[in-house]
Amino acid sequence: MYKNDRMAEDIKREITAVIRELKDPRVQGKLLTVVRIELASDLSFGKVYVSALEGFETAKTAVQGLERANGLIRREVCHRLKLRKAPELKFIADDSVKKGIDLWADYEQKLRKDKTDENN
């Protein structure tokens, strides 16, 4: 379990770096975040959850670009981490970053409202 979690973090870090270098217009210039990676116990397959600050539609478009560059991403991850075999990667759009930002904005708004009610 520990090795799997550590490897998932390493792969997440490297995928994030490779995404920043991609030239695909569906990916380039977007504020993408690799939220999490679920690796199989034998490290042969991984689900990569990607979220965009701009929203879920942007994340879905970016995932199309990432799927197109899947071979390049796998090769780069394998090379940078010196793996014998790179895991197969499945990119999945996720909207958790946008939800988190909205939740935080609601929280701050409630705090401001409570503060103004307190002062009155």
C-alpha atoms as a PDB file:
ATOM      1  CA  MET A   1       0.000   0.000   0.000  1.00  0.00           C
ATOM      2  CA  TYR A   2       2.758   2.470   0.930  1.00  0.00           C
ATOM      3  CA  LYS A   3       4.721   1.796  -2.277  1.00  0.00           C
ATOM      4  CA  ASN A   4       1.569   2.230  -4.342  1.00  0.00           C
ATOM      5  CA  ASP A   5       0.747   5.589  -2.713  1.00  0.00           C
ATOM      6  CA  ARG A   6       4.307   6.831  -3.106  1.00  0.00           C
ATOM      7  CA  MET A   7       4.399   5.772  -6.758  1.00  0.00           C
ATOM      8  CA  ALA A   8       1.023   7.460  -7.376  1.00  0.00           C
ATOM      9  CA  GLU A   9       2.410  10.725  -5.983  1.00  0.00           C
ATOM     10  CA  ASP A  10       5.549  10.428  -8.139  1.00  0.00           C
ATOM     11  CA  ILE A  11       3.491   9.738 -11.255  1.00  0.00           C
ATOM     12  CA  LYS A  12       1.127  12.599 -10.389  1.00  0.00           C
ATOM     13  CA  ARG A  13       4.071  14.990 -10.084  1.00  0.00           C
ATOM     14  CA  GLU A  14       5.556  13.899 -13.414  1.00  0.00           C
ATOM     15  CA  ILE A  15       2.228  13.970 -15.287  1.00  0.00           C
ATOM     16  CA  THR A  16       1.664  17.500 -14.013  1.00  0.00           C
ATOM     17  CA  ALA A  17       5.095  18.508 -15.332  1.00  0.00           C
ATOM     18  CA  VAL A  18       4.472  16.887 -18.726  1.00  0.00           C
ATOM     19  CA  ILE A  19       1.042  18.551 -19.026  1.00  0.00           C
ATOM     20  CA  ARG A  20       2.728  21.960 -18.618  1.00  0.00           C
ATOM     21  CA  GLU A  21       4.980  21.139 -21.607  1.00  0.00           C
ATOM     22  CA  LEU A  22       2.238  19.956 -24.003  1.00  0.00           C
ATOM     23  CA  LYS A  23       1.572  22.068 -27.091  1.00  0.00           C
ATOM     24  CA  ASP A  24      -2.022  20.874 -27.676  1.00  0.00           C
ATOM     25  CA  PRO A  25      -4.351  23.926 -27.682  1.00  0.00           C
ATOM     26  CA  ARG A  26      -6.942  21.936 -25.674  1.00  0.00           C
ATOM     27  CA  VAL A  27      -4.382  21.672 -22.855  1.00  0.00           C
ATOM     28  CA  GLN A  28      -1.946  24.559 -23.271  1.00  0.00           C
ATOM     29  CA  GLY A  29      -2.737  27.677 -21.276  1.00  0.00           C
ATOM     30  CA  LYS A  30      -5.453  25.999 -19.209  1.00  0.00           C
ATOM     31  CA  LEU A  31      -5.241  25.921 -15.420  1.00  0.00           C
ATOM     32  CA  LEU A  32      -5.314  22.138 -15.043  1.00  0.00           C
ATOM     33  CA  THR A  33      -4.822  20.190 -11.858  1.00  0.00           C
ATOM     34  CA  VAL A  34      -4.193  16.484 -11.493  1.00  0.00           C
ATOM     35  CA  VAL A  35      -6.496  15.880  -8.539  1.00  0.00           C
ATOM     36  CA  ARG A  36      -5.597  12.270  -7.824  1.00  0.00           C
ATOM     37  CA  ILE A  37      -4.391   9.047  -9.372  1.00  0.00           C
ATOM     38  CA  GLU A  38      -5.755   5.611  -8.611  1.00  0.00           C
ATOM     39  CA  LEU A  39      -3.159   2.953  -9.441  1.00  0.00           C
ATOM     40  CA  ALA A  40      -3.762  -0.762  -9.743  1.00  0.00           C
ATOM     41  CA  SER A  41      -1.900  -2.820  -7.146  1.00  0.00           C
ATOM     42  CA  ASP A  42       0.523  -4.104  -9.802  1.00  0.00           C
ATOM     43  CA  LEU A  43       1.057  -0.538 -11.138  1.00  0.00           C
ATOM     44  CA  SER A  44      -0.074  -1.566 -14.636  1.00  0.00           C
ATOM     45  CA  PHE A  45      -3.079   0.753 -14.903  1.00  0.00           C
ATOM     46  CA  GLY A  46      -3.945   4.170 -13.529  1.00  0.00           C
ATOM     47  CA  LYS A  47      -6.949   6.468 -13.538  1.00  0.00           C
ATOM     48  CA  VAL A  48      -5.876  10.109 -13.649  1.00  0.00           C
ATOM     49  CA  TYR A  49      -8.501  12.609 -12.447  1.00  0.00           C
ATOM     50  CA  VAL A  50      -7.998  16.038 -14.013  1.00  0.00           C
ATOM     51  CA  SER A  51      -9.805  19.222 -12.997  1.00  0.00           C
ATOM     52  CA  ALA A  52      -9.759  22.708 -14.507  1.00  0.00           C
ATOM     53  CA  LEU A  53     -10.167  26.004 -12.727  1.00  0.00           C
ATOM     54  CA  GLU A  54     -12.319  27.247 -15.622  1.00  0.00           C
ATOM     55  CA  GLY A  55     -14.912  24.520 -15.051  1.00  0.00           C
ATOM     56  CA  PHE A  56     -15.983  21.025 -15.988  1.00  0.00           C
ATOM     57  CA  GLU A  57     -16.380  21.689 -19.745  1.00  0.00           C
ATOM     58  CA  THR A  58     -12.769  22.881 -19.948  1.00  0.00           C
ATOM     59  CA  ALA A  59     -11.666  19.769 -18.055  1.00  0.00           C
ATOM     60  CA  LYS A  60     -13.557  17.531 -20.520  1.00  0.00           C
ATOM     61  CA  THR A  61     -11.928  19.289 -23.481  1.00  0.00           C
ATOM     62  CA  ALA A  62      -8.496  19.026 -21.852  1.00  0.00           C
ATOM     63  CA  VAL A  63      -9.030  15.303 -21.219  1.00  0.00           C
ATOM     64  CA  GLN A  64      -9.546  14.824 -24.969  1.00  0.00           C
ATOM     65  CA  GLY A  65      -6.167  16.468 -25.575  1.00  0.00           C
ATOM     66  CA  LEU A  66      -4.536  14.395 -22.840  1.00  0.00           C
ATOM     67  CA  GLU A  67      -5.943  11.167 -24.301  1.00  0.00           C
ATOM     68  CA  ARG A  68      -4.470  12.174 -27.656  1.00  0.00           C
ATOM     69  CA  ALA A  69      -1.060  12.704 -26.002  1.00  0.00           C
ATOM     70  CA  ASN A  70      -1.344   9.560 -23.854  1.00  0.00           C
ATOM     71  CA  GLY A  71       1.611   7.803 -25.512  1.00  0.00           C
ATOM     72  CA  LEU A  72       3.889  10.803 -25.047  1.00  0.00           C
ATOM     73  CA  ILE A  73       2.831  11.217 -21.412  1.00  0.00           C
ATOM     74  CA  ARG A  74       3.405   7.513 -20.666  1.00  0.00           C
ATOM     75  CA  ARG A  75       6.825   7.580 -22.346  1.00  0.00           C
ATOM     76  CA  GLU A  76       7.909  10.704 -20.451  1.00  0.00           C
ATOM     77  CA  VAL A  77       6.691   9.359 -17.087  1.00  0.00           C
ATOM     78  CA  CYS A  78       8.463   6.045 -17.719  1.00  0.00           C
ATOM     79  CA  HIS A  79      11.681   7.813 -18.702  1.00  0.00           C
ATOM     80  CA  ARG A  80      11.694  10.342 -15.843  1.00  0.00           C
ATOM     81  CA  LEU A  81      10.890   7.775 -13.135  1.00  0.00           C
ATOM     82  CA  LYS A  82      13.080   5.073 -14.723  1.00  0.00           C
ATOM     83  CA  LEU A  83      10.241   2.541 -14.784  1.00  0.00           C
ATOM     84  CA  ARG A  84      10.485  -0.708 -16.712  1.00  0.00           C
ATOM     85  CA  LYS A  85       6.892  -0.447 -17.874  1.00  0.00           C
ATOM     86  CA  ALA A  86       4.725   2.645 -17.758  1.00  0.00           C
ATOM     87  CA  PRO A  87       1.178   2.159 -16.479  1.00  0.00           C
ATOM     88  CA  GLU A  88      -1.685   2.502 -18.925  1.00  0.00           C
ATOM     89  CA  LEU A  89      -3.345   5.823 -18.186  1.00  0.00           C
ATOM     90  CA  LYS A  90      -7.020   6.704 -18.398  1.00  0.00           C
ATOM     91  CA  PHE A  91      -7.767  10.412 -18.037  1.00  0.00           C
ATOM     92  CA  ILE A  92     -11.057  11.373 -16.387  1.00  0.00           C
ATOM     93  CA  ALA A  93     -12.528  14.881 -16.117  1.00  0.00           C
ATOM     94  CA  ASP A  94     -13.270  15.974 -12.553  1.00  0.00           C
ATOM     95  CA  ASP A  95     -14.865  19.162 -11.254  1.00  0.00           C
ATOM     96  CA  SER A  96     -13.682  19.045  -7.650  1.00  0.00           C
ATOM     97  CA  VAL A  97     -11.426  22.136  -7.913  1.00  0.00           C
ATOM     98  CA  LYS A  98     -14.306  24.296  -9.168  1.00  0.00           C
ATOM     99  CA  LYS A  99     -16.603  22.875  -6.469  1.00  0.00           C
ATOM    100  CA  GLY A 100     -13.977  23.645  -3.822  1.00  0.00           C
ATOM    101  CA  ILE A 101     -13.599  27.227  -5.014  1.00  0.00           C
ATOM    102  CA  ASP A 102     -17.386  27.712  -5.044  1.00  0.00           C
ATOM    103  CA  LEU A 103     -17.655  26.218  -1.562  1.00  0.00           C
ATOM    104  CA  TRP A 104     -14.921  28.534  -0.261  1.00  0.00           C
ATOM    105  CA  ALA A 105     -16.601  31.569  -1.861  1.00  0.00           C
ATOM    106  CA  ASP A 106     -19.919  30.634  -0.205  1.00  0.00           C
ATOM    107  CA  TYR A 107     -18.137  30.241   3.130  1.00  0.00           C
ATOM    108  CA  GLU A 108     -16.451  33.649   2.843  1.00  0.00           C
ATOM    109  CA  GLN A 109     -19.748  35.269   1.857  1.00  0.00           C
ATOM    110  CA  LYS A 110     -21.439  33.745   4.920  1.00  0.00           C
ATOM    111  CA  LEU A 111     -18.614  35.012   7.149  1.00  0.00           C
ATOM    112  CA  ARG A 112     -18.978  38.534   5.754  1.00  0.00           C
ATOM    113  CA  LYS A 113     -22.745  38.403   6.239  1.00  0.00           C
ATOM    114  CA  ASP A 114     -22.352  37.200   9.830  1.00  0.00           C
ATOM    115  CA  LYS A 115     -19.816  39.957  10.501  1.00  0.00           C
ATOM    116  CA  THR A 116     -22.128  42.686   9.166  1.00  0.00           C
ATOM    117  CA  ASP A 117     -25.057  41.247  11.179  1.00  0.00           C
ATOM    118  CA  GLU A 118     -22.830  41.272  14.274  1.00  0.00           C
ATOM    119  CA  ASN A 119     -21.885  44.937  13.768  1.00  0.00           C
ATOM    120  CA  ASN A 120     -25.530  46.030  13.438  1.00  0.00           C
END
